[in-house]
Amino acid sequence: MHPLCILESEMIFPHSEGSIRLKLEFVVMNNCTSTHFILENDYLNTYNIYLNNHKDRYFTIGENKRQKFAFPLEKREISVLKKLKNVNKEIFVSDQLIEAQIGPELTLKMKEELIEILFQYREAFASDNEPLRAIKGHEVDIMLNVERPYPSLLRRPAYPANAKAREALKTHIDELMKLRVLRKVGNNEEVEVTTPVIITWNNDKSRMVGDFRELNTYTIPDRYPIPRIHETLTQLSKKKIITYMDALKGSHQNVLTPHAWKLLRIIAHCGIY
């Protein structure tokens, strides 16, 4: 066996108790392939790391076996290990498409083409741990039929809420702030319109709802024609596949104008957002 070169690669094992960063050196041998490598068991046992050293390699940490991490490699190393793209595609399918329901009537080739398209445009998909995407090229504005100073009915206080509802409200607000949908209004900012939010329950699942009835009273409505059923059916004629996607918090992906920000502020026990 003849050594050709040495490749250096840093691998990061993320963990809540402290990530592990390992710098490894791989010796590339002529006419020699390897699908396994060994880490000391002390690291594996301490951090509960599971390594999949089968055809396509990835690793998981802790009890969540569905979240898979690929080994980060420099671009110059991709030519050496061309299978990395397949690994990333498998991770994309297992993480982002885990709840997708692909029709059983599709052929294997059609499924492969569908997954390839989704993987090609994978930046359109996001998890709850990433900032929410936004619709580009269009901003939503709100026009009122009254001038400033606005009626006092538009400046509404927060609704009373019990401990369970307060906890649920805080959870929803924190989630939207993490997604960069909401931000807390500063003490030095002028606030003229506030809408209270409440929690509704369905089978122990909470949902935050804004009571915009007063704001709707003073809002000039936008009117958009709804397509007729026969027009929609005509457009679908001779089509082979019909599919639909449920956008993650689709209404929140609309970009608001600065004027609309000030009219859509919500108020809860924990502040104004």
Protein backbone atom coordinates (compact mmCIF):
# COMPACT_ATOMS: atom_id res chain seq x y z
CA MET A 1 0.00 0.00 0.00
CA HIS A 2 1.28 3.42 -0.97
CA PRO A 3 0.19 6.60 0.92
CA LEU A 4 -1.01 9.39 -1.39
CA CYS A 5 -1.83 12.26 0.94
CA ILE A 6 -3.19 13.24 4.36
CA LEU A 7 -6.58 14.93 4.74
CA GLU A 8 -7.40 16.93 7.86
CA SER A 9 -11.02 17.28 8.99
CA GLU A 10 -12.62 18.78 12.11
CA MET A 11 -15.70 17.02 13.44
CA ILE A 12 -18.02 18.63 15.97
CA PHE A 13 -20.28 16.56 18.19
CA PRO A 14 -22.88 19.05 19.55
CA HIS A 15 -24.20 18.37 23.03
CA SER A 16 -26.02 20.37 25.71
CA GLU A 17 -23.28 19.58 28.24
CA GLY A 18 -20.48 20.77 25.98
CA SER A 19 -19.70 20.04 22.34
CA ILE A 20 -16.75 17.90 21.35
CA ARG A 21 -14.44 19.18 18.62
CA LEU A 22 -12.08 16.56 17.22
CA LYS A 23 -9.45 17.19 14.56
CA LEU A 24 -8.76 14.01 12.63
CA GLU A 25 -6.18 13.11 10.03
CA PHE A 26 -7.07 10.59 7.34
CA VAL A 27 -4.27 8.92 5.40
CA VAL A 28 -5.33 8.30 1.80
CA MET A 29 -3.85 5.05 0.57
CA ASN A 30 -3.50 3.86 -2.99
CA ASN A 31 -5.87 0.99 -3.86
CA CYS A 32 -7.25 0.89 -0.33
CA THR A 33 -10.73 1.77 0.93
CA SER A 34 -12.05 1.98 4.48
CA THR A 35 -15.57 2.42 5.81
CA HIS A 36 -14.77 2.44 9.54
CA PHE A 37 -12.82 4.52 12.00
CA ILE A 38 -12.51 4.26 15.76
CA LEU A 39 -12.93 6.83 18.55
CA GLU A 40 -12.06 6.16 22.15
CA ASN A 41 -14.92 4.58 24.07
CA ASP A 42 -14.57 7.14 26.87
CA TYR A 43 -15.94 9.88 24.62
CA LEU A 44 -18.69 7.67 23.23
CA ASN A 45 -19.93 6.51 26.62
CA THR A 46 -19.74 9.93 28.27
CA TYR A 47 -21.75 11.72 25.58
CA ASN A 48 -23.96 8.82 24.49
CA ILE A 49 -22.77 9.09 20.89
CA TYR A 50 -23.88 6.53 18.33
CA LEU A 51 -21.88 6.26 15.12
CA ASN A 52 -23.35 4.68 12.01
CA ASN A 53 -20.39 3.25 10.14
CA HIS A 54 -22.35 1.53 7.42
CA LYS A 55 -22.43 2.58 3.78
CA ASP A 56 -23.25 6.24 4.50
CA ARG A 57 -21.89 7.60 7.77
CA TYR A 58 -23.61 9.90 10.23
CA PHE A 59 -23.93 10.12 13.97
CA THR A 60 -26.67 10.73 16.56
CA ILE A 61 -26.42 11.98 20.13
CA GLY A 62 -28.54 11.05 23.13
CA GLU A 63 -32.00 9.56 22.92
CA ASN A 64 -33.10 11.40 19.76
CA LYS A 65 -32.16 8.88 17.08
CA ARG A 66 -34.17 10.71 14.39
CA GLN A 67 -31.89 13.76 14.37
CA LYS A 68 -28.83 12.81 12.38
CA PHE A 69 -25.64 14.81 11.95
CA ALA A 70 -23.33 14.58 8.95
CA PHE A 71 -19.58 14.89 9.28
CA PRO A 72 -18.55 18.36 8.02
CA LEU A 73 -15.87 18.23 5.34
CA GLU A 74 -14.01 20.89 3.44
CA LYS A 75 -14.96 21.39 -0.20
CA ARG A 76 -11.59 20.08 -1.33
CA GLU A 77 -12.36 16.78 0.37
CA ILE A 78 -15.69 16.25 -1.36
CA SER A 79 -13.96 15.01 -4.49
CA VAL A 80 -12.35 12.28 -2.41
CA LEU A 81 -15.61 11.20 -0.75
CA LYS A 82 -18.29 11.67 -3.38
CA LYS A 83 -20.90 9.89 -1.29
CA LEU A 84 -21.28 12.89 1.03
CA LYS A 85 -24.12 14.30 -1.10
CA ASN A 86 -26.07 11.08 -0.67
CA VAL A 87 -25.55 11.28 3.10
CA ASN A 88 -26.89 14.84 3.20
CA LYS A 89 -29.86 13.79 1.10
CA GLU A 90 -30.65 10.94 3.47
CA ILE A 91 -30.44 13.30 6.42
CA PHE A 92 -32.72 15.76 4.62
CA VAL A 93 -35.28 13.02 3.97
CA SER A 94 -35.15 11.69 7.53
CA ASP A 95 -35.33 15.13 9.19
CA GLN A 96 -37.29 17.45 6.89
CA LEU A 97 -39.53 14.95 5.09
CA ILE A 98 -40.23 12.70 8.06
CA GLU A 99 -43.91 13.71 8.10
CA ALA A 100 -44.33 13.94 4.33
CA GLN A 101 -46.81 11.49 2.83
CA ILE A 102 -45.77 10.45 -0.68
CA GLY A 103 -48.51 8.72 -2.64
CA PRO A 104 -48.06 4.94 -2.88
CA GLU A 105 -49.21 5.00 -6.51
CA LEU A 106 -46.01 6.79 -7.59
CA THR A 107 -43.38 4.69 -9.28
CA LEU A 108 -39.92 4.39 -7.79
CA LYS A 109 -38.51 6.68 -10.48
CA MET A 110 -41.18 9.32 -9.79
CA LYS A 111 -40.43 9.20 -6.06
CA GLU A 112 -36.72 9.60 -6.72
CA GLU A 113 -37.36 12.59 -9.00
CA LEU A 114 -39.67 14.16 -6.40
CA ILE A 115 -37.12 13.77 -3.61
CA GLU A 116 -34.40 15.15 -5.89
CA ILE A 117 -36.46 18.30 -6.56
CA LEU A 118 -37.22 18.77 -2.86
CA PHE A 119 -33.55 18.27 -2.00
CA GLN A 120 -32.51 20.75 -4.69
CA TYR A 121 -34.75 23.41 -3.12
CA ARG A 122 -34.13 22.32 0.48
CA GLU A 123 -33.49 25.91 1.59
CA ALA A 124 -37.26 26.42 1.34
CA PHE A 125 -37.68 24.03 4.28
CA ALA A 126 -36.89 24.96 7.86
CA SER A 127 -37.22 23.43 11.28
CA ASP A 128 -38.52 25.05 14.46
CA ASN A 129 -34.93 25.83 15.44
CA GLU A 130 -34.28 28.06 12.42
CA PRO A 131 -35.49 31.58 11.58
CA LEU A 132 -38.74 31.49 9.64
CA ARG A 133 -38.49 32.18 5.92
CA ALA A 134 -40.31 35.19 4.44
CA ILE A 135 -42.16 35.95 1.21
CA LYS A 136 -39.94 38.19 -0.91
CA GLY A 137 -41.14 41.01 -3.13
CA HIS A 138 -44.44 41.69 -1.36
CA GLU A 139 -45.27 43.56 1.84
CA VAL A 140 -48.60 43.57 3.65
CA ASP A 141 -49.96 46.92 4.74
CA ILE A 142 -53.04 47.83 6.78
CA MET A 143 -55.12 50.93 6.09
CA LEU A 144 -57.53 52.31 8.69
CA ASN A 145 -60.63 54.42 8.10
CA VAL A 146 -59.68 56.75 10.99
CA GLU A 147 -56.80 59.16 11.44
CA ARG A 148 -54.48 59.65 14.39
CA PRO A 149 -54.99 59.98 17.29
CA TYR A 150 -56.62 56.57 17.12
CA PRO A 151 -59.74 55.71 19.17
CA SER A 152 -59.08 54.45 22.68
CA LEU A 153 -60.83 51.18 21.75
CA LEU A 154 -57.76 50.26 19.72
CA ARG A 155 -55.54 50.45 22.82
CA ARG A 156 -56.74 47.36 24.65
CA PRO A 157 -55.30 45.81 27.82
CA ALA A 158 -54.21 42.21 28.25
CA TYR A 159 -56.91 39.70 29.12
CA PRO A 160 -56.77 37.98 32.53
CA ALA A 161 -55.33 34.48 32.31
CA ASN A 162 -54.82 31.63 34.73
CA ALA A 163 -51.42 30.06 35.40
CA LYS A 164 -51.84 27.37 32.73
CA ALA A 165 -52.82 29.91 30.06
CA ARG A 166 -49.97 32.25 31.07
CA GLU A 167 -47.47 29.45 30.69
CA ALA A 168 -48.88 28.53 27.26
CA LEU A 169 -48.83 32.17 26.12
CA LYS A 170 -45.21 32.55 27.17
CA THR A 171 -44.30 29.36 25.30
CA HIS A 172 -45.95 30.53 22.06
CA ILE A 173 -44.44 34.01 22.30
CA ASP A 174 -40.95 32.64 22.99
CA GLU A 175 -41.28 30.35 19.97
CA LEU A 176 -42.28 33.22 17.67
CA MET A 177 -39.44 35.35 19.00
CA LYS A 178 -37.02 32.51 18.33
CA LEU A 179 -38.35 32.35 14.76
CA ARG A 180 -37.90 36.16 14.52
CA VAL A 181 -41.59 36.69 13.91
CA LEU A 182 -42.06 38.76 17.07
CA ARG A 183 -39.88 41.16 19.00
CA LYS A 184 -40.57 42.81 22.34
CA VAL A 185 -41.52 46.49 22.16
CA GLY A 186 -39.05 48.71 23.99
CA ASN A 187 -40.01 51.01 26.85
CA ASN A 188 -39.09 54.09 24.82
CA GLU A 189 -41.30 53.17 21.83
CA GLU A 190 -44.66 54.83 21.27
CA VAL A 191 -47.57 52.38 21.42
CA GLU A 192 -50.97 53.44 20.06
CA VAL A 193 -52.64 50.13 19.15
CA THR A 194 -52.57 46.87 21.12
CA THR A 195 -54.54 43.67 20.64
CA PRO A 196 -54.93 41.12 23.46
CA VAL A 197 -54.19 37.45 22.86
CA ILE A 198 -55.81 34.41 24.42
CA ILE A 199 -55.17 30.68 24.54
CA THR A 200 -57.60 28.18 23.05
CA TRP A 201 -57.36 24.45 23.74
CA ASN A 202 -58.06 21.46 21.53
CA ASN A 203 -57.28 18.01 22.96
CA ASP A 204 -54.73 19.49 25.38
CA LYS A 205 -53.00 21.30 22.51
CA SER A 206 -52.80 25.08 22.94
CA ARG A 207 -53.11 27.76 20.30
CA MET A 208 -52.51 31.49 20.66
CA VAL A 209 -55.26 33.63 19.13
CA GLY A 210 -55.42 37.41 18.78
CA ASP A 211 -58.74 39.19 19.38
CA PHE A 212 -58.59 41.60 16.43
CA ARG A 213 -62.29 42.44 16.41
CA GLU A 214 -61.77 46.09 17.32
CA LEU A 215 -58.97 46.54 14.80
CA ASN A 216 -61.08 44.90 12.09
CA THR A 217 -63.83 47.44 12.78
CA TYR A 218 -61.54 50.28 11.73
CA THR A 219 -59.70 48.44 8.93
CA ILE A 220 -60.41 49.09 5.26
CA PRO A 221 -60.90 45.57 3.84
CA ASP A 222 -58.92 44.22 0.90
CA ARG A 223 -60.97 42.34 -1.67
CA TYR A 224 -59.49 39.55 -3.73
CA PRO A 225 -61.53 37.48 -6.22
CA ILE A 226 -61.63 33.79 -5.31
CA PRO A 227 -61.11 31.44 -8.30
CA ARG A 228 -64.22 29.54 -9.30
CA ILE A 229 -64.29 25.78 -8.92
CA HIS A 230 -64.74 25.04 -12.63
CA GLU A 231 -61.76 27.28 -13.49
CA THR A 232 -59.59 25.37 -11.04
CA LEU A 233 -60.75 22.02 -12.41
CA THR A 234 -60.03 23.18 -15.95
CA GLN A 235 -56.46 24.06 -14.99
CA LEU A 236 -56.04 20.62 -13.44
CA SER A 237 -57.24 18.76 -16.52
CA LYS A 238 -54.79 16.28 -18.04
CA LYS A 239 -52.49 16.65 -15.05
CA LYS A 240 -50.94 13.46 -13.70
CA ILE A 241 -50.01 14.44 -10.15
CA ILE A 242 -51.74 16.69 -7.63
CA THR A 243 -49.89 17.58 -4.45
CA TYR A 244 -50.13 20.07 -1.64
CA MET A 245 -47.80 21.39 1.05
CA ASP A 246 -48.65 22.85 4.42
CA ALA A 247 -46.45 25.87 5.06
CA LEU A 248 -44.95 26.24 8.54
CA LYS A 249 -46.81 29.20 10.08
CA GLY A 250 -47.64 30.39 6.57
CA SER A 251 -49.41 33.59 7.62
CA HIS A 252 -46.33 34.65 9.60
CA GLN A 253 -44.20 34.41 6.45
CA ASN A 254 -45.86 37.56 5.10
CA VAL A 255 -43.62 40.61 5.49
CA LEU A 256 -45.31 43.61 7.11
CA THR A 257 -44.63 47.26 6.39
CA PRO A 258 -43.32 49.37 9.31
CA HIS A 259 -46.76 51.02 9.42
CA ALA A 260 -48.47 47.64 9.82
CA TRP A 261 -46.06 46.66 12.61
CA LYS A 262 -47.45 49.38 14.82
CA LEU A 263 -51.05 48.31 14.19
CA LEU A 264 -50.53 44.60 14.81
CA ARG A 265 -48.86 44.76 18.20
CA ILE A 266 -50.16 42.17 20.63
CA ILE A 267 -50.31 42.44 24.40
CA ALA A 268 -50.13 39.72 27.03
CA HIS A 269 -49.26 39.46 30.71
CA CYS A 270 -45.56 39.32 29.79
CA GLY A 271 -45.46 42.49 27.69
CA ILE A 272 -46.15 44.04 24.28
CA TYR A 273 -44.79 42.45 21.09
